Amino acid sequence: MTLDELLALPPTVNVATAARALGIGVHKAYSLIRVGAFPVQTLTLGSTVRVPAAALWRVLEVTPPAQ
């Protein structure tokens, strides 16, 4: 995922998108989430898991441009 793609993410993304940004597979991402070892904060909403883009940026050390 390019820097421009990262910065264009909506406020929350699905696990597949977060996994792609981190360079890991979706199955690995869900495995890490299950054991509490996913490197990014997640939000569980019922059976849906979302990842805040801002938390993903922090882990990847991406700084959004000043607005």
N, C-alpha and C. Protein backbone atom coordinates (compact mmCIF):
# COMPACT_ATOMS: atom_id res chain seq x y z
N MET A 1 0.85 -1.17 0.00
CA MET A 1 0.00 0.00 0.00
C MET A 1 0.90 1.24 0.00
N THR A 2 0.59 2.17 -0.85
CA THR A 2 1.40 3.38 -0.95
C THR A 2 1.03 4.37 0.16
N LEU A 3 1.86 5.36 0.35
CA LEU A 3 1.60 6.40 1.33
C LEU A 3 0.30 7.14 0.99
N ASP A 4 0.10 7.43 -0.27
CA ASP A 4 -1.13 8.11 -0.69
C ASP A 4 -2.36 7.26 -0.38
N GLU A 5 -2.27 5.95 -0.60
CA GLU A 5 -3.38 5.07 -0.28
C GLU A 5 -3.66 5.05 1.22
N LEU A 6 -2.59 5.01 2.01
CA LEU A 6 -2.75 5.03 3.47
C LEU A 6 -3.44 6.31 3.93
N LEU A 7 -3.01 7.43 3.40
CA LEU A 7 -3.57 8.71 3.81
C LEU A 7 -5.01 8.91 3.32
N ALA A 8 -5.41 8.17 2.30
CA ALA A 8 -6.76 8.29 1.75
C ALA A 8 -7.76 7.35 2.42
N LEU A 9 -7.30 6.57 3.41
CA LEU A 9 -8.20 5.63 4.07
C LEU A 9 -9.32 6.36 4.81
N PRO A 10 -10.51 5.74 4.85
CA PRO A 10 -11.60 6.31 5.65
C PRO A 10 -11.26 6.18 7.14
N PRO A 11 -12.06 6.75 8.02
CA PRO A 11 -11.77 6.72 9.46
C PRO A 11 -11.54 5.32 10.03
N THR A 12 -12.30 4.33 9.56
CA THR A 12 -12.04 2.95 9.97
C THR A 12 -12.00 2.08 8.73
N VAL A 13 -11.23 1.00 8.82
CA VAL A 13 -11.10 0.07 7.69
C VAL A 13 -11.37 -1.35 8.18
N ASN A 14 -11.64 -2.23 7.24
CA ASN A 14 -11.84 -3.63 7.61
C ASN A 14 -10.48 -4.30 7.85
N VAL A 15 -10.52 -5.50 8.38
CA VAL A 15 -9.29 -6.21 8.73
C VAL A 15 -8.46 -6.51 7.48
N ALA A 16 -9.10 -6.82 6.38
CA ALA A 16 -8.37 -7.12 5.14
C ALA A 16 -7.53 -5.92 4.69
N THR A 17 -8.09 -4.74 4.77
CA THR A 17 -7.35 -3.53 4.38
C THR A 17 -6.21 -3.27 5.35
N ALA A 18 -6.46 -3.42 6.64
CA ALA A 18 -5.41 -3.22 7.64
C ALA A 18 -4.30 -4.24 7.46
N ALA A 19 -4.65 -5.47 7.18
CA ALA A 19 -3.65 -6.51 6.95
C ALA A 19 -2.79 -6.17 5.74
N ARG A 20 -3.44 -5.71 4.69
CA ARG A 20 -2.69 -5.31 3.47
C ARG A 20 -1.71 -4.19 3.78
N ALA A 21 -2.14 -3.21 4.57
CA ALA A 21 -1.26 -2.09 4.94
C ALA A 21 -0.07 -2.58 5.76
N LEU A 22 -0.31 -3.59 6.59
CA LEU A 22 0.76 -4.12 7.45
C LEU A 22 1.63 -5.17 6.74
N GLY A 23 1.20 -5.59 5.56
CA GLY A 23 1.98 -6.57 4.81
C GLY A 23 1.81 -7.99 5.32
N ILE A 24 0.64 -8.29 5.91
CA ILE A 24 0.37 -9.65 6.37
C ILE A 24 -0.92 -10.15 5.73
N GLY A 25 -1.14 -11.43 5.82
CA GLY A 25 -2.35 -12.02 5.26
C GLY A 25 -3.55 -11.81 6.17
N VAL A 26 -4.73 -11.93 5.59
CA VAL A 26 -5.97 -11.74 6.33
C VAL A 26 -6.12 -12.80 7.42
N HIS A 27 -5.81 -14.05 7.09
CA HIS A 27 -5.94 -15.12 8.08
C HIS A 27 -5.01 -14.88 9.26
N LYS A 28 -3.80 -14.45 8.98
CA LYS A 28 -2.85 -14.14 10.05
C LYS A 28 -3.37 -12.99 10.90
N ALA A 29 -3.92 -11.97 10.26
CA ALA A 29 -4.46 -10.83 10.99
C ALA A 29 -5.57 -11.26 11.95
N TYR A 30 -6.50 -12.07 11.47
CA TYR A 30 -7.58 -12.54 12.34
C TYR A 30 -7.04 -13.43 13.47
N SER A 31 -6.03 -14.23 13.17
CA SER A 31 -5.41 -15.05 14.22
C SER A 31 -4.80 -14.17 15.31
N LEU A 32 -4.11 -13.11 14.89
CA LEU A 32 -3.50 -12.19 15.85
C LEU A 32 -4.57 -11.45 16.66
N ILE A 33 -5.65 -11.08 16.03
CA ILE A 33 -6.74 -10.40 16.73
C ILE A 33 -7.33 -11.33 17.78
N ARG A 34 -7.55 -12.61 17.40
CA ARG A 34 -8.13 -13.58 18.34
C ARG A 34 -7.31 -13.74 19.61
N VAL A 35 -5.98 -13.70 19.48
CA VAL A 35 -5.13 -13.91 20.66
C VAL A 35 -4.68 -12.60 21.30
N GLY A 36 -5.20 -11.48 20.79
CA GLY A 36 -4.87 -10.18 21.37
C GLY A 36 -3.50 -9.67 21.03
N ALA A 37 -2.93 -10.14 19.91
CA ALA A 37 -1.58 -9.75 19.53
C ALA A 37 -1.52 -8.89 18.26
N PHE A 38 -2.67 -8.46 17.76
CA PHE A 38 -2.66 -7.62 16.56
C PHE A 38 -2.01 -6.29 16.93
N PRO A 39 -1.09 -5.79 16.12
CA PRO A 39 -0.32 -4.60 16.51
C PRO A 39 -1.07 -3.28 16.47
N VAL A 40 -2.33 -3.32 16.08
CA VAL A 40 -3.13 -2.11 15.95
C VAL A 40 -4.42 -2.28 16.76
N GLN A 41 -4.86 -1.19 17.39
CA GLN A 41 -6.13 -1.18 18.11
C GLN A 41 -7.25 -1.62 17.16
N THR A 42 -8.16 -2.44 17.65
CA THR A 42 -9.31 -2.83 16.85
C THR A 42 -10.59 -2.46 17.58
N LEU A 43 -11.65 -2.32 16.81
CA LEU A 43 -12.98 -2.03 17.35
C LEU A 43 -13.89 -3.18 16.95
N THR A 44 -14.45 -3.86 17.93
CA THR A 44 -15.38 -4.95 17.65
C THR A 44 -16.79 -4.43 17.81
N LEU A 45 -17.54 -4.50 16.73
CA LEU A 45 -18.92 -4.03 16.71
C LEU A 45 -19.79 -5.22 16.34
N GLY A 46 -20.29 -5.92 17.35
CA GLY A 46 -21.01 -7.16 17.09
C GLY A 46 -20.04 -8.19 16.58
N SER A 47 -20.29 -8.70 15.38
CA SER A 47 -19.37 -9.67 14.79
C SER A 47 -18.40 -9.03 13.80
N THR A 48 -18.46 -7.71 13.69
CA THR A 48 -17.60 -6.98 12.76
C THR A 48 -16.40 -6.39 13.50
N VAL A 49 -15.24 -6.52 12.89
CA VAL A 49 -14.03 -5.92 13.46
C VAL A 49 -13.57 -4.82 12.51
N ARG A 50 -13.36 -3.64 13.05
CA ARG A 50 -12.87 -2.50 12.28
C ARG A 50 -11.56 -2.03 12.89
N VAL A 51 -10.74 -1.38 12.10
CA VAL A 51 -9.45 -0.86 12.55
C VAL A 51 -9.43 0.64 12.27
N PRO A 52 -9.23 1.46 13.31
CA PRO A 52 -9.15 2.91 13.08
C PRO A 52 -7.91 3.25 12.22
N ALA A 53 -8.13 4.04 11.19
CA ALA A 53 -7.02 4.42 10.31
C ALA A 53 -5.94 5.17 11.10
N ALA A 54 -6.33 6.02 12.03
CA ALA A 54 -5.35 6.78 12.82
C ALA A 54 -4.44 5.85 13.61
N ALA A 55 -5.00 4.77 14.16
CA ALA A 55 -4.18 3.80 14.90
C ALA A 55 -3.23 3.07 13.95
N LEU A 56 -3.70 2.78 12.77
CA LEU A 56 -2.86 2.14 11.75
C LEU A 56 -1.72 3.06 11.35
N TRP A 57 -2.03 4.34 11.16
CA TRP A 57 -0.98 5.32 10.82
C TRP A 57 0.08 5.38 11.91
N ARG A 58 -0.35 5.37 13.19
CA ARG A 58 0.62 5.44 14.31
C ARG A 58 1.58 4.26 14.27
N VAL A 59 1.04 3.05 14.07
CA VAL A 59 1.88 1.85 14.04
C VAL A 59 2.85 1.91 12.87
N LEU A 60 2.38 2.43 11.74
CA LEU A 60 3.22 2.51 10.55
C LEU A 60 4.07 3.78 10.51
N GLU A 61 3.91 4.61 11.55
CA GLU A 61 4.65 5.87 11.65
C GLU A 61 4.41 6.79 10.45
N VAL A 62 3.14 6.89 10.09
CA VAL A 62 2.71 7.77 9.00
C VAL A 62 2.10 9.00 9.62
N THR A 63 2.54 10.15 9.19
CA THR A 63 2.00 11.41 9.70
C THR A 63 1.11 12.05 8.64
N PRO A 64 -0.18 12.19 8.95
CA PRO A 64 -1.04 12.85 7.97
C PRO A 64 -0.64 14.31 7.80
N PRO A 65 -0.81 14.85 6.60
CA PRO A 65 -0.45 16.24 6.38
C PRO A 65 -1.33 17.18 7.20
N ALA A 66 -0.77 18.30 7.58
CA ALA A 66 -1.53 19.32 8.32
C ALA A 66 -2.61 19.88 7.40
N GLN A 67 -3.77 20.15 7.97
CA GLN A 67 -4.87 20.65 7.13
C GLN A 67 -5.12 22.11 7.43
